[in-house]
Amino acid sequence: MTKTILITGASSGFGLMLANNLHHKGFNVIGTSREPNKYQDKVGFKLLRLDIADESSIEEFTKQLFETVSQLDVLVNSAGYMLTGIAEETPSNVGKKQFETNFWGTVNLTNSILPYFRKQRSGQIITVSSIMGLIGLPNKSIYTASKHALEGYFKSLRFELSQFNIKVNMVQPMWAKTNLGANTISSNGDIPDYQQYKKQVDAYIKKSMAEGEEPETVVKVIEKLIDTKSSKFRNPVGKMSKMILFLNNYAYSMFEGAIHKSVKTAK
């Protein structure tokens, strides 16, 4: 049976590349975009309207989705954007908008799909995160915090969904040559003490992204997860990400094993 795969943010970046690849491989692909009519004629897969920062949009989208398909096999959370700015210069209302999309938008959409996955007793949730979900970088404090939040949320969700045969995976690139830079919003602070530092950070990040992984590398990791239905939670992309996760994974795997054992033996 052909798998049906839902990909958010499928009109650009990793989402678009992944959707095109899977569509050409014969999967039933449904993508989302805030402006599907603008892109539908340019792609071969179905695009539905979704603004993940808007709860009413998620509710309407979910209803439309399951009027379109009878079964969903994979959800790929790819939608999001990057907020840059020195922490002290970033107003809370700007930071909250970042969380409304990157964190709450992803969480709310996932939760809207879960009743269908539970009913099926199967499903796979793949979320495109970042190695910044484990480390911090300057001039990206709120973006980094949103990725840390996603990591924590899906770590916990994974325990809860294992009983329903629902897999939870995170994909964690470090630097990649994608259009994320074009989808970046700056907090535009103007504290003089930070001006020179910001120039140095911007130069470092620009160089790192130019030397980063090709977007195809990220897409291949996601495709492999779909093909194998892997239960591996963390899936780094690139040497830097793999090194960081190597240092992190040993301690977490011990903790995870202890939690599983404790829950099963609890009375």
C-alpha atoms as a PDB file:
ATOM      1  CA  MET A   1       0.000   0.000   0.000  1.00  0.00           C
ATOM      2  CA  THR A   2       1.344   3.425  -0.965  1.00  0.00           C
ATOM      3  CA  LYS A   3       2.260   5.555   2.043  1.00  0.00           C
ATOM      4  CA  THR A   4       0.580   8.913   2.503  1.00  0.00           C
ATOM      5  CA  ILE A   5       2.964  11.562   3.783  1.00  0.00           C
ATOM      6  CA  LEU A   6       2.108  15.027   5.106  1.00  0.00           C
ATOM      7  CA  ILE A   7       4.882  17.630   4.890  1.00  0.00           C
ATOM      8  CA  THR A   8       4.480  21.089   6.397  1.00  0.00           C
ATOM      9  CA  GLY A   9       6.267  24.041   4.842  1.00  0.00           C
ATOM     10  CA  ALA A  10       6.357  22.236   1.488  1.00  0.00           C
ATOM     11  CA  SER A  11       6.541  25.325  -0.727  1.00  0.00           C
ATOM     12  CA  SER A  12      10.234  26.020  -0.015  1.00  0.00           C
ATOM     13  CA  GLY A  13      13.445  24.693   1.547  1.00  0.00           C
ATOM     14  CA  PHE A  14      13.801  21.156   2.844  1.00  0.00           C
ATOM     15  CA  GLY A  15      10.052  20.669   2.744  1.00  0.00           C
ATOM     16  CA  LEU A  16       9.757  21.385  -0.978  1.00  0.00           C
ATOM     17  CA  MET A  17      12.754  19.254  -1.903  1.00  0.00           C
ATOM     18  CA  LEU A  18      11.534  16.357   0.217  1.00  0.00           C
ATOM     19  CA  ALA A  19       7.989  16.582  -1.135  1.00  0.00           C
ATOM     20  CA  ASN A  20       9.223  16.565  -4.743  1.00  0.00           C
ATOM     21  CA  ASN A  21      11.529  13.595  -4.121  1.00  0.00           C
ATOM     22  CA  LEU A  22       8.879  11.506  -2.400  1.00  0.00           C
ATOM     23  CA  HIS A  23       6.253  12.413  -5.005  1.00  0.00           C
ATOM     24  CA  HIS A  24       8.559  11.230  -7.795  1.00  0.00           C
ATOM     25  CA  LYS A  25       9.168   7.992  -5.877  1.00  0.00           C
ATOM     26  CA  GLY A  26       5.448   7.258  -5.962  1.00  0.00           C
ATOM     27  CA  PHE A  27       4.384   8.260  -2.459  1.00  0.00           C
ATOM     28  CA  ASN A  28       1.076  10.049  -1.942  1.00  0.00           C
ATOM     29  CA  VAL A  29       2.404  13.432  -0.800  1.00  0.00           C
ATOM     30  CA  ILE A  30       0.343  16.235   0.706  1.00  0.00           C
ATOM     31  CA  GLY A  31       2.145  19.478   1.440  1.00  0.00           C
ATOM     32  CA  THR A  32       1.132  22.613   3.278  1.00  0.00           C
ATOM     33  CA  SER A  33       1.652  26.278   2.533  1.00  0.00           C
ATOM     34  CA  ARG A  34       0.187  29.534   3.756  1.00  0.00           C
ATOM     35  CA  GLU A  35      -0.427  30.394   0.074  1.00  0.00           C
ATOM     36  CA  PRO A  36      -1.077  27.108  -1.778  1.00  0.00           C
ATOM     37  CA  ASN A  37      -2.639  28.768  -4.822  1.00  0.00           C
ATOM     38  CA  LYS A  38       0.628  30.606  -5.415  1.00  0.00           C
ATOM     39  CA  TYR A  39       2.620  27.364  -5.679  1.00  0.00           C
ATOM     40  CA  GLN A  40       0.173  24.597  -6.683  1.00  0.00           C
ATOM     41  CA  ASP A  41       0.804  24.896 -10.439  1.00  0.00           C
ATOM     42  CA  LYS A  42       4.567  24.592  -9.826  1.00  0.00           C
ATOM     43  CA  VAL A  43       4.454  21.240  -8.010  1.00  0.00           C
ATOM     44  CA  GLY A  44       3.074  17.805  -8.773  1.00  0.00           C
ATOM     45  CA  PHE A  45       1.799  17.007  -5.300  1.00  0.00           C
ATOM     46  CA  LYS A  46      -1.281  18.326  -3.488  1.00  0.00           C
ATOM     47  CA  LEU A  47      -0.901  21.531  -1.468  1.00  0.00           C
ATOM     48  CA  LEU A  48      -3.353  22.490   1.272  1.00  0.00           C
ATOM     49  CA  ARG A  49      -3.519  25.805   3.096  1.00  0.00           C
ATOM     50  CA  LEU A  50      -2.099  25.909   6.613  1.00  0.00           C
ATOM     51  CA  ASP A  51      -0.744  28.613   8.878  1.00  0.00           C
ATOM     52  CA  ILE A  52       0.685  26.663  11.800  1.00  0.00           C
ATOM     53  CA  ALA A  53       0.811  29.786  13.973  1.00  0.00           C
ATOM     54  CA  ASP A  54      -3.004  30.003  13.774  1.00  0.00           C
ATOM     55  CA  GLU A  55      -4.978  27.416  15.779  1.00  0.00           C
ATOM     56  CA  SER A  56      -8.155  27.970  13.760  1.00  0.00           C
ATOM     57  CA  SER A  57      -6.171  27.336  10.565  1.00  0.00           C
ATOM     58  CA  ILE A  58      -4.892  24.055  12.034  1.00  0.00           C
ATOM     59  CA  GLU A  59      -8.432  22.973  12.927  1.00  0.00           C
ATOM     60  CA  GLU A  60      -9.737  23.776   9.442  1.00  0.00           C
ATOM     61  CA  PHE A  61      -6.733  22.130   7.796  1.00  0.00           C
ATOM     62  CA  THR A  62      -7.061  18.897   9.776  1.00  0.00           C
ATOM     63  CA  LYS A  63     -10.717  18.581   8.830  1.00  0.00           C
ATOM     64  CA  GLN A  64      -9.881  19.153   5.150  1.00  0.00           C
ATOM     65  CA  LEU A  65      -6.957  16.729   5.278  1.00  0.00           C
ATOM     66  CA  PHE A  66      -8.996  13.786   6.499  1.00  0.00           C
ATOM     67  CA  GLU A  67     -11.712  14.546   4.004  1.00  0.00           C
ATOM     68  CA  THR A  68      -8.953  14.113   1.388  1.00  0.00           C
ATOM     69  CA  VAL A  69      -7.250  10.952   2.742  1.00  0.00           C
ATOM     70  CA  SER A  70      -8.503   7.949   4.708  1.00  0.00           C
ATOM     71  CA  GLN A  71      -5.136   7.122   6.217  1.00  0.00           C
ATOM     72  CA  LEU A  72      -1.971   9.058   7.055  1.00  0.00           C
ATOM     73  CA  ASP A  73       1.327   7.258   7.560  1.00  0.00           C
ATOM     74  CA  VAL A  74       3.901   9.987   8.157  1.00  0.00           C
ATOM     75  CA  LEU A  75       3.878  13.587   9.409  1.00  0.00           C
ATOM     76  CA  VAL A  76       6.996  15.631   8.609  1.00  0.00           C
ATOM     77  CA  ASN A  77       7.167  18.876  10.585  1.00  0.00           C
ATOM     78  CA  SER A  78       9.284  21.150   8.398  1.00  0.00           C
ATOM     79  CA  ALA A  79       7.595  24.560   8.644  1.00  0.00           C
ATOM     80  CA  GLY A  80       9.296  27.332  10.583  1.00  0.00           C
ATOM     81  CA  TYR A  81      11.548  30.354  10.387  1.00  0.00           C
ATOM     82  CA  MET A  82      14.615  31.783  12.116  1.00  0.00           C
ATOM     83  CA  LEU A  83      14.632  34.830  14.361  1.00  0.00           C
ATOM     84  CA  THR A  84      18.043  36.422  14.809  1.00  0.00           C
ATOM     85  CA  GLY A  85      19.050  39.032  17.324  1.00  0.00           C
ATOM     86  CA  ILE A  86      21.052  39.649  20.447  1.00  0.00           C
ATOM     87  CA  ALA A  87      19.106  38.341  23.462  1.00  0.00           C
ATOM     88  CA  GLU A  88      19.021  41.683  25.264  1.00  0.00           C
ATOM     89  CA  GLU A  89      17.806  43.462  22.121  1.00  0.00           C
ATOM     90  CA  THR A  90      14.940  41.072  21.343  1.00  0.00           C
ATOM     91  CA  PRO A  91      11.495  42.272  22.548  1.00  0.00           C
ATOM     92  CA  SER A  92       9.361  39.599  24.189  1.00  0.00           C
ATOM     93  CA  ASN A  93       6.511  40.066  21.683  1.00  0.00           C
ATOM     94  CA  VAL A  94       8.911  39.277  18.824  1.00  0.00           C
ATOM     95  CA  GLY A  95      10.226  36.236  20.659  1.00  0.00           C
ATOM     96  CA  LYS A  96       6.703  35.014  21.347  1.00  0.00           C
ATOM     97  CA  LYS A  97       5.930  35.042  17.617  1.00  0.00           C
ATOM     98  CA  GLN A  98       8.954  32.786  17.044  1.00  0.00           C
ATOM     99  CA  PHE A  99       7.590  30.320  19.589  1.00  0.00           C
ATOM    100  CA  GLU A 100       4.061  30.530  18.170  1.00  0.00           C
ATOM    101  CA  THR A 101       5.410  29.139  14.890  1.00  0.00           C
ATOM    102  CA  ASN A 102       8.443  27.005  15.667  1.00  0.00           C
ATOM    103  CA  PHE A 103       7.205  25.478  18.912  1.00  0.00           C
ATOM    104  CA  TRP A 104       3.471  25.879  19.485  1.00  0.00           C
ATOM    105  CA  GLY A 105       2.629  25.640  15.798  1.00  0.00           C
ATOM    106  CA  THR A 106       4.482  22.337  15.509  1.00  0.00           C
ATOM    107  CA  VAL A 107       3.003  21.045  18.771  1.00  0.00           C
ATOM    108  CA  ASN A 108      -0.570  22.035  17.917  1.00  0.00           C
ATOM    109  CA  LEU A 109      -0.421  20.507  14.464  1.00  0.00           C
ATOM    110  CA  THR A 110       1.082  17.293  15.811  1.00  0.00           C
ATOM    111  CA  ASN A 111      -1.648  17.064  18.446  1.00  0.00           C
ATOM    112  CA  SER A 112      -4.317  17.547  15.775  1.00  0.00           C
ATOM    113  CA  ILE A 113      -2.961  14.490  13.911  1.00  0.00           C
ATOM    114  CA  LEU A 114      -2.462  12.233  16.930  1.00  0.00           C
ATOM    115  CA  PRO A 115      -6.111  11.065  17.307  1.00  0.00           C
ATOM    116  CA  TYR A 116      -5.916   9.618  13.788  1.00  0.00           C
ATOM    117  CA  PHE A 117      -2.562   7.951  14.425  1.00  0.00           C
ATOM    118  CA  ARG A 118      -3.871   6.460  17.687  1.00  0.00           C
ATOM    119  CA  LYS A 119      -6.967   5.143  15.939  1.00  0.00           C
ATOM    120  CA  GLN A 120      -4.755   3.476  13.331  1.00  0.00           C
ATOM    121  CA  ARG A 121      -2.352   2.238  16.018  1.00  0.00           C
ATOM    122  CA  SER A 122       0.453   3.371  13.716  1.00  0.00           C
ATOM    123  CA  GLY A 123       2.190   6.482  12.426  1.00  0.00           C
ATOM    124  CA  GLN A 124       5.476   8.313  12.245  1.00  0.00           C
ATOM    125  CA  ILE A 125       6.299  11.883  13.273  1.00  0.00           C
ATOM    126  CA  ILE A 126       9.516  13.339  11.859  1.00  0.00           C
ATOM    127  CA  THR A 127      10.451  16.841  12.977  1.00  0.00           C
ATOM    128  CA  VAL A 128      13.167  18.904  11.337  1.00  0.00           C
ATOM    129  CA  SER A 129      14.920  20.423  14.319  1.00  0.00           C
ATOM    130  CA  SER A 130      18.504  21.668  14.562  1.00  0.00           C
ATOM    131  CA  ILE A 131      21.627  20.876  16.521  1.00  0.00           C
ATOM    132  CA  MET A 132      20.823  24.236  18.110  1.00  0.00           C
ATOM    133  CA  GLY A 133      18.252  22.263  20.050  1.00  0.00           C
ATOM    134  CA  LEU A 134      21.212  20.983  22.072  1.00  0.00           C
ATOM    135  CA  ILE A 135      23.691  23.846  22.002  1.00  0.00           C
ATOM    136  CA  GLY A 136      23.532  27.644  21.974  1.00  0.00           C
ATOM    137  CA  LEU A 137      24.816  30.100  19.392  1.00  0.00           C
ATOM    138  CA  PRO A 138      25.143  33.885  19.662  1.00  0.00           C
ATOM    139  CA  ASN A 139      22.592  36.154  17.999  1.00  0.00           C
ATOM    140  CA  LYS A 140      20.054  33.302  17.862  1.00  0.00           C
ATOM    141  CA  SER A 141      18.893  33.002  21.464  1.00  0.00           C
ATOM    142  CA  ILE A 142      15.119  32.788  20.826  1.00  0.00           C
ATOM    143  CA  TYR A 143      15.459  30.522  17.793  1.00  0.00           C
ATOM    144  CA  THR A 144      17.763  28.264  19.817  1.00  0.00           C
ATOM    145  CA  ALA A 145      15.294  28.259  22.717  1.00  0.00           C
ATOM    146  CA  SER A 146      12.459  27.216  20.385  1.00  0.00           C
ATOM    147  CA  LYS A 147      14.523  24.269  19.149  1.00  0.00           C
ATOM    148  CA  HIS A 148      15.453  23.273  22.719  1.00  0.00           C
ATOM    149  CA  ALA A 149      11.736  23.328  23.514  1.00  0.00           C
ATOM    150  CA  LEU A 150      10.939  21.049  20.575  1.00  0.00           C
ATOM    151  CA  GLU A 151      13.635  18.605  21.641  1.00  0.00           C
ATOM    152  CA  GLY A 152      12.224  18.408  25.156  1.00  0.00           C
ATOM    153  CA  TYR A 153       8.638  18.095  24.007  1.00  0.00           C
ATOM    154  CA  PHE A 154       9.239  15.280  21.531  1.00  0.00           C
ATOM    155  CA  LYS A 155      11.530  13.425  23.938  1.00  0.00           C
ATOM    156  CA  SER A 156       8.583  13.193  26.324  1.00  0.00           C
ATOM    157  CA  LEU A 157       6.001  12.537  23.610  1.00  0.00           C
ATOM    158  CA  ARG A 158       8.038   9.604  22.370  1.00  0.00           C
ATOM    159  CA  PHE A 159       7.471   7.730  25.648  1.00  0.00           C
ATOM    160  CA  GLU A 160       3.725   8.350  25.540  1.00  0.00           C
ATOM    161  CA  LEU A 161       3.246   7.230  21.932  1.00  0.00           C
ATOM    162  CA  SER A 162       5.359   4.062  21.929  1.00  0.00           C
ATOM    163  CA  GLN A 163       2.361   2.034  23.171  1.00  0.00           C
ATOM    164  CA  PHE A 164       0.452   2.971  19.989  1.00  0.00           C
ATOM    165  CA  ASN A 165       3.220   1.979  17.555  1.00  0.00           C
ATOM    166  CA  ILE A 166       3.777   5.659  16.678  1.00  0.00           C
ATOM    167  CA  LYS A 167       7.409   6.501  15.934  1.00  0.00           C
ATOM    168  CA  VAL A 168       8.949   9.886  16.829  1.00  0.00           C
ATOM    169  CA  ASN A 169      12.123  11.083  15.092  1.00  0.00           C
ATOM    170  CA  MET A 170      14.119  14.315  15.148  1.00  0.00           C
ATOM    171  CA  VAL A 171      16.422  15.377  12.298  1.00  0.00           C
ATOM    172  CA  GLN A 172      19.219  17.684  13.407  1.00  0.00           C
ATOM    173  CA  PRO A 173      21.367  19.493  10.853  1.00  0.00           C
ATOM    174  CA  MET A 174      23.973  22.052  11.937  1.00  0.00           C
ATOM    175  CA  TRP A 175      24.726  24.166   8.892  1.00  0.00           C
ATOM    176  CA  ALA A 176      22.997  23.540   5.585  1.00  0.00           C
ATOM    177  CA  LYS A 177      22.793  25.407   2.292  1.00  0.00           C
ATOM    178  CA  THR A 178      19.096  26.157   2.264  1.00  0.00           C
ATOM    179  CA  ASN A 179      16.828  29.170   2.041  1.00  0.00           C
ATOM    180  CA  LEU A 180      16.489  29.454   5.829  1.00  0.00           C
ATOM    181  CA  GLY A 181      18.534  32.627   5.572  1.00  0.00           C
ATOM    182  CA  ALA A 182      15.864  34.074   3.279  1.00  0.00           C
ATOM    183  CA  ASN A 183      13.247  33.143   5.894  1.00  0.00           C
ATOM    184  CA  THR A 184      15.109  34.947   8.665  1.00  0.00           C
ATOM    185  CA  ILE A 185      13.656  37.820  10.671  1.00  0.00           C
ATOM    186  CA  SER A 186      15.895  40.134  12.669  1.00  0.00           C
ATOM    187  CA  SER A 187      14.948  41.770  15.952  1.00  0.00           C
ATOM    188  CA  ASN A 188      16.859  44.878  14.709  1.00  0.00           C
ATOM    189  CA  GLY A 189      18.236  45.960  18.056  1.00  0.00           C
ATOM    190  CA  ASP A 190      20.542  48.966  18.263  1.00  0.00           C
ATOM    191  CA  ILE A 191      22.499  48.751  21.521  1.00  0.00           C
ATOM    192  CA  PRO A 192      25.905  50.202  20.566  1.00  0.00           C
ATOM    193  CA  ASP A 193      27.903  47.812  22.750  1.00  0.00           C
ATOM    194  CA  TYR A 194      26.842  44.868  20.565  1.00  0.00           C
ATOM    195  CA  GLN A 195      27.339  46.337  17.087  1.00  0.00           C
ATOM    196  CA  GLN A 196      30.864  45.081  16.404  1.00  0.00           C
ATOM    197  CA  TYR A 197      30.145  41.714  17.953  1.00  0.00           C
ATOM    198  CA  LYS A 198      27.089  41.231  15.729  1.00  0.00           C
ATOM    199  CA  LYS A 199      29.178  41.930  12.614  1.00  0.00           C
ATOM    200  CA  GLN A 200      31.653  39.266  13.682  1.00  0.00           C
ATOM    201  CA  VAL A 201      28.907  36.743  14.435  1.00  0.00           C
ATOM    202  CA  ASP A 202      27.171  37.440  11.122  1.00  0.00           C
ATOM    203  CA  ALA A 203      30.433  36.880   9.241  1.00  0.00           C
ATOM    204  CA  TYR A 204      31.005  33.589  11.079  1.00  0.00           C
ATOM    205  CA  ILE A 205      27.490  32.297  10.411  1.00  0.00           C
ATOM    206  CA  LYS A 206      27.526  33.354   6.753  1.00  0.00           C
ATOM    207  CA  LYS A 207      30.792  31.488   6.228  1.00  0.00           C
ATOM    208  CA  SER A 208      29.535  28.416   8.091  1.00  0.00           C
ATOM    209  CA  MET A 209      26.328  28.211   6.041  1.00  0.00           C
ATOM    210  CA  ALA A 210      28.263  28.621   2.787  1.00  0.00           C
ATOM    211  CA  GLU A 211      30.416  25.662   3.816  1.00  0.00           C
ATOM    212  CA  GLY A 212      27.509  23.655   5.213  1.00  0.00           C
ATOM    213  CA  GLU A 213      25.827  20.457   4.126  1.00  0.00           C
ATOM    214  CA  GLU A 214      23.966  20.322   0.852  1.00  0.00           C
ATOM    215  CA  PRO A 215      20.193  20.295   1.453  1.00  0.00           C
ATOM    216  CA  GLU A 216      20.015  16.926  -0.323  1.00  0.00           C
ATOM    217  CA  THR A 217      21.925  15.441   2.604  1.00  0.00           C
ATOM    218  CA  VAL A 218      19.184  16.470   5.026  1.00  0.00           C
ATOM    219  CA  VAL A 219      16.468  15.206   2.689  1.00  0.00           C
ATOM    220  CA  LYS A 220      18.178  11.805   2.337  1.00  0.00           C
ATOM    221  CA  VAL A 221      18.207  11.372   6.111  1.00  0.00           C
ATOM    222  CA  ILE A 222      14.454  12.014   6.231  1.00  0.00           C
ATOM    223  CA  GLU A 223      13.802   9.671   3.305  1.00  0.00           C
ATOM    224  CA  LYS A 224      15.766   6.914   5.023  1.00  0.00           C
ATOM    225  CA  LEU A 225      13.692   7.347   8.177  1.00  0.00           C
ATOM    226  CA  ILE A 226      10.508   6.988   6.134  1.00  0.00           C
ATOM    227  CA  ASP A 227      11.784   3.967   4.201  1.00  0.00           C
ATOM    228  CA  THR A 228      12.920   2.105   7.319  1.00  0.00           C
ATOM    229  CA  LYS A 229      10.318   3.470   9.749  1.00  0.00           C
ATOM    230  CA  SER A 230      13.221   3.827  12.144  1.00  0.00           C
ATOM    231  CA  SER A 231      12.618   4.260  15.864  1.00  0.00           C
ATOM    232  CA  LYS A 232      15.888   6.181  16.293  1.00  0.00           C
ATOM    233  CA  PHE A 233      14.999   9.456  17.991  1.00  0.00           C
ATOM    234  CA  ARG A 234      17.968  11.648  17.101  1.00  0.00           C
ATOM    235  CA  ASN A 235      19.273  11.755  13.552  1.00  0.00           C
ATOM    236  CA  PRO A 236      22.172  14.177  13.090  1.00  0.00           C
ATOM    237  CA  VAL A 237      23.192  15.521   9.698  1.00  0.00           C
ATOM    238  CA  GLY A 238      26.838  16.418   9.105  1.00  0.00           C
ATOM    239  CA  LYS A 239      30.097  15.849  10.994  1.00  0.00           C
ATOM    240  CA  MET A 240      29.563  18.641  13.518  1.00  0.00           C
ATOM    241  CA  SER A 241      26.104  17.413  14.501  1.00  0.00           C
ATOM    242  CA  LYS A 242      27.294  13.823  14.794  1.00  0.00           C
ATOM    243  CA  MET A 243      30.166  14.801  17.048  1.00  0.00           C
ATOM    244  CA  ILE A 244      27.913  16.813  19.377  1.00  0.00           C
ATOM    245  CA  LEU A 245      25.352  14.033  19.562  1.00  0.00           C
ATOM    246  CA  PHE A 246      28.030  11.418  20.190  1.00  0.00           C
ATOM    247  CA  LEU A 247      29.029  13.302  23.309  1.00  0.00           C
ATOM    248  CA  ASN A 248      25.381  13.646  24.382  1.00  0.00           C
ATOM    249  CA  ASN A 249      23.798  10.314  23.479  1.00  0.00           C
ATOM    250  CA  TYR A 250      25.481   7.945  25.895  1.00  0.00           C
ATOM    251  CA  ALA A 251      24.113   9.606  29.002  1.00  0.00           C
ATOM    252  CA  TYR A 252      20.623  10.014  27.521  1.00  0.00           C
ATOM    253  CA  SER A 253      20.384   6.380  26.380  1.00  0.00           C
ATOM    254  CA  MET A 254      21.088   5.212  29.934  1.00  0.00           C
ATOM    255  CA  PHE A 255      18.427   7.566  31.304  1.00  0.00           C
ATOM    256  CA  GLU A 256      15.862   6.481  28.701  1.00  0.00           C
ATOM    257  CA  GLY A 257      16.410   2.801  29.473  1.00  0.00           C
ATOM    258  CA  ALA A 258      15.960   3.443  33.179  1.00  0.00           C
ATOM    259  CA  ILE A 259      12.697   5.333  32.593  1.00  0.00           C
ATOM    260  CA  HIS A 260      11.239   2.551  30.392  1.00  0.00           C
ATOM    261  CA  LYS A 261      12.138  -0.051  33.012  1.00  0.00           C
ATOM    262  CA  SER A 262      10.741   2.017  35.898  1.00  0.00           C
ATOM    263  CA  VAL A 263       7.430   2.697  34.121  1.00  0.00           C
ATOM    264  CA  LYS A 264       6.921  -0.975  33.237  1.00  0.00           C
ATOM    265  CA  THR A 265       7.535  -2.130  36.809  1.00  0.00           C
ATOM    266  CA  ALA A 266       5.573   0.650  38.540  1.00  0.00           C
ATOM    267  CA  LYS A 267       2.487  -0.356  40.538  1.00  0.00           C
END
